[in-house]
C-alpha atoms as a PDB file:
ATOM      1  CA  MET A   1      -0.042   0.030  -0.028  1.00  0.00           C
ATOM      2  CA  ARG A   2       1.248   3.482  -0.879  1.00  0.00           C
ATOM      3  CA  SER A   3       2.169   5.563   2.122  1.00  0.00           C
ATOM      4  CA  VAL A   4      -0.119   8.413   1.042  1.00  0.00           C
ATOM      5  CA  ALA A   5      -3.114   6.035   0.650  1.00  0.00           C
ATOM      6  CA  LYS A   6      -5.877   5.840   3.255  1.00  0.00           C
ATOM      7  CA  LEU A   7      -7.695   2.527   3.501  1.00  0.00           C
ATOM      8  CA  ARG A   8     -11.343   2.313   4.483  1.00  0.00           C
ATOM      9  CA  HIS A   9     -13.772  -0.618   4.263  1.00  0.00           C
ATOM     10  CA  LEU A  10     -17.463  -0.402   3.402  1.00  0.00           C
ATOM     11  CA  ARG A  11     -19.779  -1.428   6.187  1.00  0.00           C
ATOM     12  CA  PRO A  12     -21.348  -4.894   5.615  1.00  0.00           C
ATOM     13  CA  GLY A  13     -25.037  -4.921   5.201  1.00  0.00           C
ATOM     14  CA  VAL A  14     -25.290  -1.302   4.165  1.00  0.00           C
ATOM     15  CA  ARG A  15     -27.015  -0.612   0.889  1.00  0.00           C
ATOM     16  CA  TYR A  16     -25.124   2.077  -1.053  1.00  0.00           C
ATOM     17  CA  ALA A  17     -26.759   4.339  -3.611  1.00  0.00           C
ATOM     18  CA  PRO A  18     -25.689   3.461  -7.274  1.00  0.00           C
ATOM     19  CA  SER A  19     -23.645   6.676  -7.316  1.00  0.00           C
ATOM     20  CA  ALA A  20     -21.654   5.447  -4.299  1.00  0.00           C
ATOM     21  CA  THR A  21     -20.500   2.449  -6.322  1.00  0.00           C
ATOM     22  CA  ALA A  22     -18.404   4.815  -8.372  1.00  0.00           C
ATOM     23  CA  ARG A  23     -15.987   4.710  -5.410  1.00  0.00           C
ATOM     24  CA  LEU A  24     -15.541   0.940  -5.591  1.00  0.00           C
ATOM     25  CA  ALA A  25     -13.473  -1.500  -7.502  1.00  0.00           C
ATOM     26  CA  LEU A  26     -15.832  -4.460  -7.856  1.00  0.00           C
ATOM     27  CA  ARG A  27     -14.685  -8.166  -8.006  1.00  0.00           C
ATOM     28  CA  GLN A  28     -17.449 -10.673  -8.264  1.00  0.00           C
ATOM     29  CA  ASN A  29     -19.912  -8.342  -6.457  1.00  0.00           C
ATOM     30  CA  GLU A  30     -17.582  -8.022  -3.435  1.00  0.00           C
ATOM     31  CA  PRO A  31     -16.598  -4.483  -2.539  1.00  0.00           C
ATOM     32  CA  ASP A  32     -12.870  -3.856  -2.297  1.00  0.00           C
ATOM     33  CA  PRO A  33     -11.258  -1.440   0.164  1.00  0.00           C
ATOM     34  CA  ILE A  34     -11.211   2.131  -1.007  1.00  0.00           C
ATOM     35  CA  PHE A  35      -7.797   3.776  -1.618  1.00  0.00           C
ATOM     36  CA  GLU A  36      -7.465   7.537  -1.742  1.00  0.00           C
ATOM     37  CA  ALA A  37      -4.485   9.775  -2.205  1.00  0.00           C
ATOM     38  CA  ASP A  38      -5.751  12.410   0.275  1.00  0.00           C
ATOM     39  CA  GLY A  39      -8.456  13.498  -2.170  1.00  0.00           C
ATOM     40  CA  PRO A  40     -12.072  14.344  -1.097  1.00  0.00           C
ATOM     41  CA  ASP A  41     -14.389  11.448  -0.427  1.00  0.00           C
ATOM     42  CA  THR A  42     -16.951  12.331  -3.137  1.00  0.00           C
ATOM     43  CA  VAL A  43     -18.551  10.328  -5.893  1.00  0.00           C
ATOM     44  CA  ARG A  44     -16.937  12.589  -8.493  1.00  0.00           C
ATOM     45  CA  ASN A  45     -13.504  11.514  -7.170  1.00  0.00           C
ATOM     46  CA  GLY A  46     -14.046   7.829  -7.863  1.00  0.00           C
ATOM     47  CA  ILE A  47     -14.413   5.285 -10.602  1.00  0.00           C
ATOM     48  CA  ALA A  48     -15.913   1.759 -10.540  1.00  0.00           C
ATOM     49  CA  LEU A  49     -13.343  -0.635 -12.035  1.00  0.00           C
ATOM     50  CA  THR A  50     -12.752  -4.403 -12.309  1.00  0.00           C
ATOM     51  CA  GLY A  51     -10.014  -5.871 -10.196  1.00  0.00           C
ATOM     52  CA  THR A  52      -7.470  -5.892 -13.063  1.00  0.00           C
ATOM     53  CA  ALA A  53      -8.343  -2.308 -14.138  1.00  0.00           C
ATOM     54  CA  HIS A  54      -8.193  -1.116 -10.500  1.00  0.00           C
ATOM     55  CA  TRP A  55      -4.721  -2.641 -10.237  1.00  0.00           C
ATOM     56  CA  LEU A  56      -3.586  -0.863 -13.454  1.00  0.00           C
ATOM     57  CA  PHE A  57      -5.087   2.472 -12.403  1.00  0.00           C
ATOM     58  CA  ASP A  58      -3.497   2.349  -8.949  1.00  0.00           C
ATOM     59  CA  ARG A  59      -0.058   1.671 -10.510  1.00  0.00           C
ATOM     60  CA  GLY A  60      -0.363   4.482 -13.034  1.00  0.00           C
ATOM     61  CA  LEU A  61      -0.565   2.054 -16.025  1.00  0.00           C
ATOM     62  CA  MET A  62      -4.065   3.167 -16.952  1.00  0.00           C
ATOM     63  CA  THR A  63      -5.833   6.552 -16.719  1.00  0.00           C
ATOM     64  CA  PHE A  64      -8.642   8.515 -18.349  1.00  0.00           C
ATOM     65  CA  THR A  65      -8.940  11.744 -20.337  1.00  0.00           C
ATOM     66  CA  ASP A  66     -11.407  14.434 -19.329  1.00  0.00           C
ATOM     67  CA  ASP A  67     -13.851  13.056 -21.900  1.00  0.00           C
ATOM     68  CA  PHE A  68     -13.442   9.519 -20.455  1.00  0.00           C
ATOM     69  CA  GLN A  69     -11.189   7.892 -23.017  1.00  0.00           C
ATOM     70  CA  ILE A  70      -9.078   5.052 -21.620  1.00  0.00           C
ATOM     71  CA  LEU A  71      -5.312   5.737 -21.833  1.00  0.00           C
ATOM     72  CA  LEU A  72      -2.812   2.879 -21.354  1.00  0.00           C
ATOM     73  CA  SER A  73       0.825   3.418 -20.354  1.00  0.00           C
ATOM     74  CA  PRO A  74       3.457   2.292 -22.812  1.00  0.00           C
ATOM     75  CA  TYR A  75       5.313   0.792 -19.789  1.00  0.00           C
ATOM     76  CA  GLY A  76       4.547  -2.593 -18.201  1.00  0.00           C
ATOM     77  CA  ILE A  77       1.375  -3.388 -20.037  1.00  0.00           C
ATOM     78  CA  PRO A  78       0.999  -6.881 -21.573  1.00  0.00           C
ATOM     79  CA  ASP A  79       0.447  -6.845 -25.353  1.00  0.00           C
ATOM     80  CA  ASP A  80      -2.901  -8.699 -25.143  1.00  0.00           C
ATOM     81  CA  LEU A  81      -4.467  -6.295 -22.596  1.00  0.00           C
ATOM     82  CA  ASP A  82      -6.682  -4.829 -25.222  1.00  0.00           C
ATOM     83  CA  LYS A  83      -8.982  -7.859 -24.830  1.00  0.00           C
ATOM     84  CA  LEU A  84      -9.840  -6.492 -21.346  1.00  0.00           C
ATOM     85  CA  ILE A  85     -10.439  -2.860 -22.382  1.00  0.00           C
ATOM     86  CA  ARG A  86     -13.949  -1.679 -23.436  1.00  0.00           C
ATOM     87  CA  PRO A  87     -14.519  -1.375 -27.202  1.00  0.00           C
ATOM     88  CA  GLY A  88     -13.741   2.144 -28.341  1.00  0.00           C
ATOM     89  CA  ARG A  89     -11.506   2.619 -25.267  1.00  0.00           C
ATOM     90  CA  MET A  90     -14.196   4.627 -23.498  1.00  0.00           C
ATOM     91  CA  LEU A  91     -15.091   4.550 -19.770  1.00  0.00           C
ATOM     92  CA  ALA A  92     -18.734   3.795 -19.106  1.00  0.00           C
ATOM     93  CA  VAL A  93     -20.044   6.737 -16.953  1.00  0.00           C
ATOM     94  CA  PRO A  94     -23.414   7.507 -15.405  1.00  0.00           C
ATOM     95  CA  ASP A  95     -25.934   9.483 -17.488  1.00  0.00           C
ATOM     96  CA  ALA A  96     -26.120  12.219 -14.881  1.00  0.00           C
ATOM     97  CA  PRO A  97     -23.124  14.541 -15.196  1.00  0.00           C
ATOM     98  CA  GLU A  98     -23.087  15.209 -11.467  1.00  0.00           C
ATOM     99  CA  LEU A  99     -22.192  11.505 -10.922  1.00  0.00           C
ATOM    100  CA  ARG A 100     -19.386  11.342 -13.407  1.00  0.00           C
ATOM    101  CA  PRO A 101     -15.603  11.620 -12.457  1.00  0.00           C
ATOM    102  CA  HIS A 102     -14.658  15.263 -12.301  1.00  0.00           C
ATOM    103  CA  ALA A 103     -11.989  16.466 -14.772  1.00  0.00           C
ATOM    104  CA  THR A 104      -9.945  17.939 -11.846  1.00  0.00           C
ATOM    105  CA  TYR A 105      -9.460  14.483 -10.309  1.00  0.00           C
ATOM    106  CA  LEU A 106      -8.780  12.834 -13.618  1.00  0.00           C
ATOM    107  CA  GLN A 107      -6.181  15.450 -14.429  1.00  0.00           C
ATOM    108  CA  TRP A 108      -4.587  14.956 -10.992  1.00  0.00           C
ATOM    109  CA  HIS A 109      -4.257  11.223 -11.705  1.00  0.00           C
ATOM    110  CA  ARG A 110      -2.726  11.854 -15.151  1.00  0.00           C
ATOM    111  CA  ASP A 111      -0.219  14.432 -13.733  1.00  0.00           C
ATOM    112  CA  ASN A 112       0.684  12.506 -10.548  1.00  0.00           C
ATOM    113  CA  CYS A 113       0.263   8.800 -11.208  1.00  0.00           C
ATOM    114  CA  PHE A 114       0.137   7.985 -14.895  1.00  0.00           C
ATOM    115  CA  LYS A 115       3.284   6.634 -16.497  1.00  0.00           C
ATOM    116  CA  ALA A 116       3.154   8.236 -19.934  1.00  0.00           C
END
């Protein structure tokens, strides 16, 4: 775990609103711990990802543009990873703009984590 990361667990038995799931990395319907780099605990500072995508994102091997295109790092990515990426390399986001990841947080990840 990164030293700047804070680890929190979701409470068992609590039903979270669909927008709250944007803070989770989901693996077989089991919530993972939430890692933050001292950012605010808001839906707009989160993205729901599979376990593999979450691993890539946390290590700076995958990020997203402000218009939700998926960017992959040229470093440390297996050649056949494209099979795991959505067609068109676009992140699926909620219809409601107020529930989508905010450009400020996406930019922070590109500037501070992504290995371009």
